[in-house]
Protein backbone atom coordinates (compact mmCIF):
# COMPACT_ATOMS: atom_id res chain seq x y z
CA MET A 1 -0.03 0.09 0.08
CA ARG A 2 1.36 3.45 -0.98
CA GLY A 3 1.99 5.94 1.72
CA LYS A 4 0.15 9.37 1.21
CA ARG A 5 2.21 11.52 -1.03
CA SER A 6 2.92 15.04 0.48
CA ILE A 7 1.86 18.32 -1.14
CA PRO A 8 5.33 20.27 -1.77
CA ARG A 9 5.16 23.23 0.53
CA SER A 10 5.65 25.64 -2.82
CA VAL A 11 2.37 24.84 -3.77
CA ALA A 12 0.49 23.93 -0.47
CA SER A 13 -2.11 26.65 0.30
CA PRO A 14 -1.29 29.02 3.38
CA VAL A 15 -2.72 28.64 6.51
CA GLN A 16 -5.59 31.56 6.67
CA ALA A 17 -6.85 32.77 10.33
CA GLU A 18 -10.40 33.50 10.47
CA PRO A 19 -11.15 37.14 9.20
CA ARG A 20 -11.18 39.30 12.20
CA TRP A 21 -14.57 41.44 12.77
CA VAL A 22 -13.82 45.23 13.23
CA GLY A 23 -16.90 47.28 14.67
CA ALA A 24 -17.40 51.09 14.96
CA ALA A 25 -15.68 51.84 17.57
CA GLU A 26 -12.38 50.41 16.40
CA ILE A 27 -13.21 52.05 13.09
CA ARG A 28 -13.44 55.54 14.57
CA ALA A 29 -10.55 54.99 16.87
CA SER A 30 -8.34 54.18 13.27
CA LEU A 31 -9.89 56.97 11.23
CA ALA A 32 -9.23 60.29 13.01
CA PRO A 33 -10.64 62.65 10.33
CA GLU A 34 -6.57 64.11 9.06
CA ARG A 35 -6.15 60.10 8.78
CA ALA A 36 -8.97 59.61 7.15
CA VAL A 37 -8.48 62.33 4.41
CA ALA A 38 -4.65 61.68 3.95
CA ALA A 39 -5.62 57.84 3.30
CA LEU A 40 -8.00 59.35 0.45
CA ARG A 41 -5.32 61.83 -0.92
CA ALA A 42 -2.76 58.95 -0.80
CA VAL A 43 -4.53 57.02 -3.38
CA LEU A 44 -5.06 59.91 -5.38
CA ASP A 45 -1.18 60.94 -5.25
CA SER A 46 -0.57 57.06 -6.05
CA GLY A 47 -1.68 57.82 -9.74
CA PHE A 48 -4.91 55.91 -9.01
CA SER A 49 -7.60 56.89 -11.55
CA PRO A 50 -11.44 56.83 -10.10
CA GLU A 51 -12.61 56.60 -13.78
CA THR A 52 -11.08 53.05 -13.65
CA ASP A 53 -13.16 52.01 -10.51
CA ALA A 54 -16.00 50.01 -10.49
CA PRO A 55 -19.59 50.80 -10.58
CA ARG A 56 -21.85 50.43 -7.94
CA GLY A 57 -24.49 47.83 -8.00
CA ARG A 58 -28.35 47.70 -7.03
CA VAL A 59 -30.68 45.25 -6.40
CA ASP A 60 -34.24 46.09 -5.23
CA THR A 61 -35.83 44.04 -1.93
CA PRO A 62 -39.20 44.23 -0.55
CA GLY A 63 -38.04 46.65 2.31
CA GLY A 64 -35.96 48.76 -0.47
CA SER A 65 -32.38 48.24 -1.92
CA LEU A 66 -29.34 46.26 -1.62
CA LEU A 67 -26.29 47.96 -2.79
CA TYR A 68 -22.70 46.25 -3.57
CA MET A 69 -19.52 48.16 -4.25
CA PRO A 70 -16.25 46.31 -5.46
CA SER A 71 -13.16 47.73 -5.57
CA SER A 72 -9.23 46.95 -5.89
CA LEU A 73 -6.06 49.02 -5.08
CA THR A 74 -2.41 48.73 -5.24
CA LEU A 75 -1.26 51.02 -2.39
CA ARG A 76 1.67 52.98 -2.36
CA ASP A 77 3.45 50.98 -0.31
CA GLY A 78 3.18 48.06 -2.92
CA TYR A 79 -0.04 46.25 -0.70
CA VAL A 80 -2.59 44.70 -2.82
CA CYS A 81 -6.07 44.82 -1.56
CA SER A 82 -9.60 44.71 -2.74
CA GLY A 83 -13.26 44.59 -1.20
CA VAL A 84 -16.81 44.87 -1.31
CA LYS A 85 -19.33 46.86 0.66
CA ILE A 86 -22.49 45.45 0.85
CA LEU A 87 -25.35 47.61 2.29
CA THR A 88 -29.23 47.60 2.97
CA LEU A 89 -31.29 50.76 2.54
CA THR A 90 -34.61 50.00 4.46
CA PRO A 91 -36.56 53.41 4.77
CA ALA A 92 -39.06 52.11 6.76
CA ASN A 93 -36.73 51.39 9.58
CA GLY A 94 -35.96 54.97 10.45
CA VAL A 95 -39.90 55.14 11.73
CA LEU A 96 -39.48 52.01 13.77
CA GLY A 97 -36.02 53.73 15.24
CA ALA A 98 -33.85 50.91 13.79
CA PRO A 99 -30.91 51.66 11.28
CA VAL A 100 -31.87 52.88 7.96
CA ILE A 101 -28.62 51.87 6.66
CA GLN A 102 -26.85 48.43 7.93
CA GLY A 103 -24.12 46.28 5.96
CA THR A 104 -20.73 45.09 6.30
CA TYR A 105 -17.03 45.47 4.36
CA GLN A 106 -15.39 42.34 3.27
CA PHE A 107 -11.70 42.98 3.06
CA PHE A 108 -9.12 40.77 1.46
CA GLY A 109 -5.43 41.38 1.04
CA GLY A 110 -2.15 40.14 -0.10
CA PRO A 111 -1.10 38.26 -3.40
CA GLN A 112 -3.25 35.49 -2.00
CA GLN A 113 -6.17 37.73 -1.77
CA ALA A 114 -7.02 36.07 1.28
CA PRO A 115 -10.06 37.46 3.47
CA VAL A 116 -8.33 39.45 6.14
CA ALA A 117 -11.18 41.43 8.10
CA VAL A 118 -14.91 42.14 8.16
CA LEU A 119 -15.87 45.56 9.17
CA ASP A 120 -18.86 47.48 10.16
CA GLY A 121 -20.00 48.70 6.89
CA ALA A 122 -22.33 51.59 8.18
CA ALA A 123 -19.84 52.86 10.54
CA LEU A 124 -17.06 52.79 7.53
CA THR A 125 -19.45 54.85 5.71
CA SER A 126 -20.33 57.02 8.12
CA VAL A 127 -16.69 58.03 8.22
CA ARG A 128 -16.02 58.01 5.00
CA THR A 129 -18.77 60.48 3.50
CA PRO A 130 -17.77 63.34 5.38
CA ALA A 131 -14.06 62.82 4.89
CA VAL A 132 -14.65 63.01 0.83
CA SER A 133 -16.37 65.92 1.78
CA ALA A 134 -13.56 67.57 3.38
CA LEU A 135 -11.17 66.42 1.04
CA GLY A 136 -13.35 68.47 -2.17
CA ALA A 137 -13.45 71.52 0.50
CA GLU A 138 -10.02 71.25 1.15
CA MET A 139 -9.34 71.41 -3.21
CA LEU A 140 -12.11 74.34 -3.49
CA LEU A 141 -11.36 76.53 -0.85
CA SER A 142 -9.04 79.35 -1.52
CA PRO A 143 -5.73 79.61 0.53
CA GLU A 144 -7.08 82.95 2.05
CA ALA A 145 -10.35 81.30 2.85
CA ARG A 146 -8.37 78.29 4.74
CA GLU A 147 -6.88 80.92 6.88
CA GLU A 148 -9.73 82.32 8.19
CA ALA A 149 -12.57 81.34 10.84
CA LEU A 150 -15.14 80.03 7.99
CA ARG A 151 -19.03 80.12 8.32
CA MET A 152 -20.28 76.82 7.85
CA LEU A 153 -23.84 76.02 6.98
CA ILE A 154 -25.03 72.53 7.40
CA ILE A 155 -28.68 71.59 5.94
CA GLY A 156 -29.96 68.28 7.11
CA THR A 157 -30.21 67.29 10.80
CA GLY A 158 -29.32 63.33 10.49
CA VAL A 159 -26.29 61.07 11.05
CA GLN A 160 -24.17 62.56 8.16
CA ALA A 161 -25.10 66.22 9.51
CA TRP A 162 -23.47 65.38 12.77
CA GLU A 163 -20.64 63.74 11.03
CA HIS A 164 -19.83 66.63 8.88
CA ALA A 165 -19.94 69.03 11.70
CA ARG A 166 -17.22 66.37 13.56
CA THR A 167 -15.03 66.22 10.63
CA PHE A 168 -15.02 69.71 9.26
CA ALA A 169 -14.21 71.09 12.86
CA ALA A 170 -11.37 68.93 13.35
CA LEU A 171 -10.08 69.87 9.85
CA PHE A 172 -10.90 73.78 9.36
CA SER A 173 -11.21 76.83 11.80
CA LEU A 174 -14.89 77.29 12.09
CA GLY A 175 -16.04 80.49 13.40
CA GLU A 176 -19.61 79.38 13.62
CA ILE A 177 -22.00 76.06 12.45
CA VAL A 178 -25.70 77.11 11.35
CA VAL A 179 -27.86 74.08 11.10
CA ALA A 180 -30.86 74.09 9.02
CA GLY A 181 -33.62 71.62 9.20
CA ARG A 182 -37.33 71.28 8.42
CA SER A 183 -37.90 70.48 12.23
CA TYR A 184 -36.76 73.29 14.39
CA GLY A 185 -36.28 71.13 17.38
CA LYS A 186 -33.99 68.39 15.33
CA ALA A 187 -32.10 71.35 14.02
CA GLU A 188 -31.55 72.67 17.87
CA ALA A 189 -30.83 69.34 19.29
CA LEU A 190 -27.52 69.09 16.55
CA ALA A 191 -26.80 72.44 17.06
CA ALA A 192 -26.61 72.28 20.86
CA ARG A 193 -24.57 68.97 20.75
CA ILE A 194 -22.23 70.83 18.27
CA ARG A 195 -21.74 73.43 21.05
CA ALA A 196 -21.34 70.82 24.01
CA GLU A 197 -18.91 68.37 22.32
CA LEU A 198 -17.27 70.39 19.40
CA GLY A 199 -16.94 73.74 21.03
CA VAL A 200 -18.09 75.65 18.30
CA PRO A 201 -20.87 78.33 18.34
CA SER A 202 -23.58 76.81 16.71
CA ARG A 203 -27.51 77.78 16.06
CA ALA A 204 -30.39 76.37 14.36
CA VAL A 205 -32.63 77.91 11.81
CA THR A 206 -35.70 76.56 10.28
CA MET A 207 -36.18 76.14 6.49
CA ASP A 208 -40.08 76.62 6.53
CA GLU A 209 -41.02 79.71 4.40
CA GLY A 210 -42.35 82.79 6.48
CA PRO A 211 -44.11 86.37 5.92
CA LEU A 212 -41.04 87.67 5.68
CA GLY A 213 -39.41 84.78 3.25
CA SER A 214 -37.01 81.96 3.78
CA PRO A 215 -34.72 82.42 6.84
CA LEU A 216 -32.37 80.43 4.73
CA GLU A 217 -31.82 82.94 2.69
CA PRO A 218 -29.48 85.15 4.67
CA GLU A 219 -27.53 82.22 5.66
CA VAL A 220 -26.51 80.92 2.63
CA ARG A 221 -25.56 84.43 1.65
CA ARG A 222 -23.28 84.82 4.59
CA ALA A 223 -22.01 81.10 4.81
CA ASP A 224 -18.36 80.20 3.14
CA LEU A 225 -19.15 76.74 3.42
CA ILE A 226 -23.01 74.82 2.85
CA VAL A 227 -23.33 71.31 3.44
CA THR A 228 -26.37 69.55 2.18
CA CYS A 229 -27.01 66.31 3.73
CA THR A 230 -30.64 65.88 3.16
CA ALA A 231 -33.30 63.04 1.65
CA ALA A 232 -34.18 66.05 -0.92
CA THR A 233 -35.53 65.49 -4.44
CA GLU A 234 -35.88 69.11 -5.10
CA PRO A 235 -33.12 72.04 -4.56
CA LEU A 236 -33.02 73.41 -1.04
CA PHE A 237 -32.35 76.95 -2.01
CA ARG A 238 -31.97 79.46 -4.91
CA GLY A 239 -28.65 79.57 -6.51
CA GLU A 240 -28.32 83.09 -6.66
CA TRP A 241 -28.00 83.59 -2.89
CA VAL A 242 -24.41 81.64 -2.70
CA SER A 243 -21.72 84.01 -2.61
CA ASP A 244 -18.87 83.98 -5.49
CA GLN A 245 -16.40 82.55 -2.54
CA ALA A 246 -18.21 80.03 -1.08
CA VAL A 247 -17.70 76.24 -1.21
CA VAL A 248 -20.83 73.94 -1.70
CA ILE A 249 -20.73 70.44 -1.04
CA ALA A 250 -23.98 68.33 -1.72
CA VAL A 251 -23.87 64.95 -0.16
CA GLY A 252 -27.58 63.47 -0.27
CA ALA A 253 -28.39 63.17 -3.77
CA HIS A 254 -27.26 60.17 -5.33
CA THR A 255 -29.42 59.06 -8.01
CA PRO A 256 -30.52 60.54 -11.52
CA GLU A 257 -34.10 61.99 -10.41
CA ALA A 258 -32.97 63.76 -7.20
CA ARG A 259 -30.88 66.57 -6.49
CA GLU A 260 -30.64 69.14 -3.50
CA LEU A 261 -28.83 72.12 -5.91
CA ASP A 262 -30.35 74.03 -8.52
CA ASP A 263 -29.68 75.00 -12.21
CA THR A 264 -28.67 78.05 -11.54
CA LEU A 265 -25.80 77.31 -9.24
CA MET A 266 -24.61 74.37 -11.14
CA GLY A 267 -24.79 76.77 -14.24
CA ARG A 268 -22.40 79.87 -12.14
CA ALA A 269 -19.96 76.99 -10.28
CA GLU A 270 -16.95 75.58 -10.69
CA VAL A 271 -17.95 72.11 -10.49
CA LEU A 272 -15.83 69.36 -8.79
CA VAL A 273 -16.87 65.16 -8.79
CA GLU A 274 -15.29 62.36 -7.65
CA SER A 275 -15.13 61.05 -11.41
CA ARG A 276 -17.20 61.94 -14.53
CA SER A 277 -18.39 58.46 -15.22
CA THR A 278 -20.01 58.16 -11.75
CA ALA A 279 -21.37 61.60 -12.02
CA THR A 280 -23.03 61.49 -15.25
CA ARG A 281 -24.90 58.26 -14.26
CA GLU A 282 -25.41 58.69 -10.29
CA SER A 283 -25.72 62.65 -9.78
CA GLY A 284 -28.95 64.19 -10.20
CA GLU A 285 -27.60 67.88 -9.83
CA VAL A 286 -24.73 66.57 -13.31
CA ILE A 287 -27.48 65.17 -15.08
CA GLN A 288 -30.08 67.45 -14.89
CA GLY A 289 -27.87 70.25 -15.40
CA LEU A 290 -26.44 68.37 -18.66
CA GLU A 291 -29.91 67.59 -20.08
CA ASN A 292 -30.85 71.29 -19.05
CA GLU A 293 -27.95 72.83 -20.82
CA VAL A 294 -26.85 74.70 -17.95
CA ILE A 295 -23.44 72.74 -17.64
CA VAL A 296 -22.08 72.83 -20.73
CA SER A 297 -20.48 69.08 -21.15
CA GLN A 298 -19.10 66.55 -18.65
CA TYR A 299 -15.89 67.93 -20.17
CA SER A 300 -16.23 70.84 -18.08
CA LEU A 301 -16.45 69.10 -14.92
CA VAL A 302 -13.50 68.95 -12.65
CA THR A 303 -12.46 65.79 -11.03
CA LEU A 304 -10.88 64.97 -7.82
CA ALA A 305 -7.85 63.31 -9.66
CA GLU A 306 -7.47 66.31 -11.79
CA MET A 307 -7.34 68.78 -8.56
CA THR A 308 -4.92 66.50 -7.29
CA LEU A 309 -2.21 66.46 -10.56
CA PHE A 310 -2.72 70.26 -11.15
CA GLU A 311 -3.37 71.49 -7.49
CA ARG A 312 -5.77 74.06 -9.16
CA ARG A 313 -6.85 76.30 -6.31
CA GLY A 314 -9.00 79.40 -5.90
CA PHE A 315 -12.18 80.29 -8.52
CA ALA A 316 -13.80 83.49 -9.18
CA ARG A 317 -17.09 81.67 -8.58
CA PRO A 318 -18.60 79.27 -6.05
CA GLY A 319 -17.45 75.88 -5.97
CA VAL A 320 -19.39 73.21 -6.14
CA PHE A 321 -18.65 69.39 -5.03
CA THR A 322 -21.57 66.95 -5.70
CA THR A 323 -20.74 63.70 -4.19
CA THR A 324 -21.85 60.18 -4.59
CA GLY A 325 -19.69 57.88 -2.82
CA MET A 326 -17.41 55.26 -4.58
CA PRO A 327 -16.16 51.71 -3.97
CA TRP A 328 -12.22 53.03 -4.19
CA GLU A 329 -12.87 55.41 -1.46
CA ASP A 330 -14.08 52.41 1.06
CA LEU A 331 -11.41 50.62 -0.05
CA ALA A 332 -8.96 53.00 0.89
CA LEU A 333 -10.09 53.61 4.44
CA ALA A 334 -10.64 50.13 5.16
CA ALA A 335 -7.19 49.46 4.44
CA GLU A 336 -6.21 52.32 6.60
CA VAL A 337 -8.19 50.61 9.54
CA VAL A 338 -6.61 47.33 8.96
CA ARG A 339 -3.05 48.80 8.88
CA GLY A 340 -4.09 50.56 12.23
CA LEU A 341 -4.67 47.29 13.79
CA GLY A 342 -1.86 45.35 12.28
CA GLU A 343 -3.59 42.80 10.95
CA GLU A 344 -1.51 40.44 8.10
CA THR A 345 -2.54 37.61 6.14
CA ALA A 346 -0.77 34.15 6.10
CA ALA A 347 -0.49 35.16 2.30
CA GLY A 348 1.47 38.22 2.91
CA GLY A 349 0.94 41.25 4.99
CA TRP A 350 2.15 44.76 4.16
CA VAL A 351 5.37 45.03 1.80
């Protein structure tokens, strides 16, 4: 009887530990705002083109939708990684007090593409979104504006409104944060949290029209930074209210039929996007602006990669960054979390 033939070590599969679970607390501890923005910028500095990133996928479900966002990167230190974020969006959960967004991020690394970690997808998203916004704001703000105490207007009162306040307070000098919401009570609650936890002067305004007009108009006119984090499908304010020196970050609309900014502003502004392919596929502001011919061409849009390459700064008109989120951004931050935890695969750690 022949004995068992051993498998040569050179072709044997490496022993792989089970993927590590990384929860929300570890993600936040690993991704301070400065580190998150630096990780995104490092990917762009490496020469990666977001135009080559995989498109996100969407599947309708009985309760809402399932989103999946795959990507692959070779980081500047040579480490190869891939990953996919899988999220469910369930609008009815908001009424029940349950999370509207839930999901996980599957992270694979090394030459063997071994599964390294599973991360809390909602927590990763909550950090990634304002980090991308802050990166866009850094690119659009003039050097002179960066040296001043900025007046920030946040429209929206949900999770992302708070996350943007937290991130921007860490990265910029803010003289005041004004919170605008449909519910004055929710806006004031967020403003109170900003005062207590961030130490930034903050106050609330309602978005409801009154006998003297919109209380939002004077706030928009005075703002240096405007961030819209809403579920709106129609423009939130009139584009002519925005000053030529202001920067507007539109976060909430990421379907062709939804928008937070009007054609007037899109026609006036220097428009920054994550990538042309993503913007013309998912951004309602861009898609409708092109259809209505207030945006001359998709090639008049400026991308993050182009801003990184040419270091364009300072414009004689408002700056608008319309962001939908891209898979490479989640992967870049997931990799930074895994790096911070010192995780390695049996198939090869960080190079």
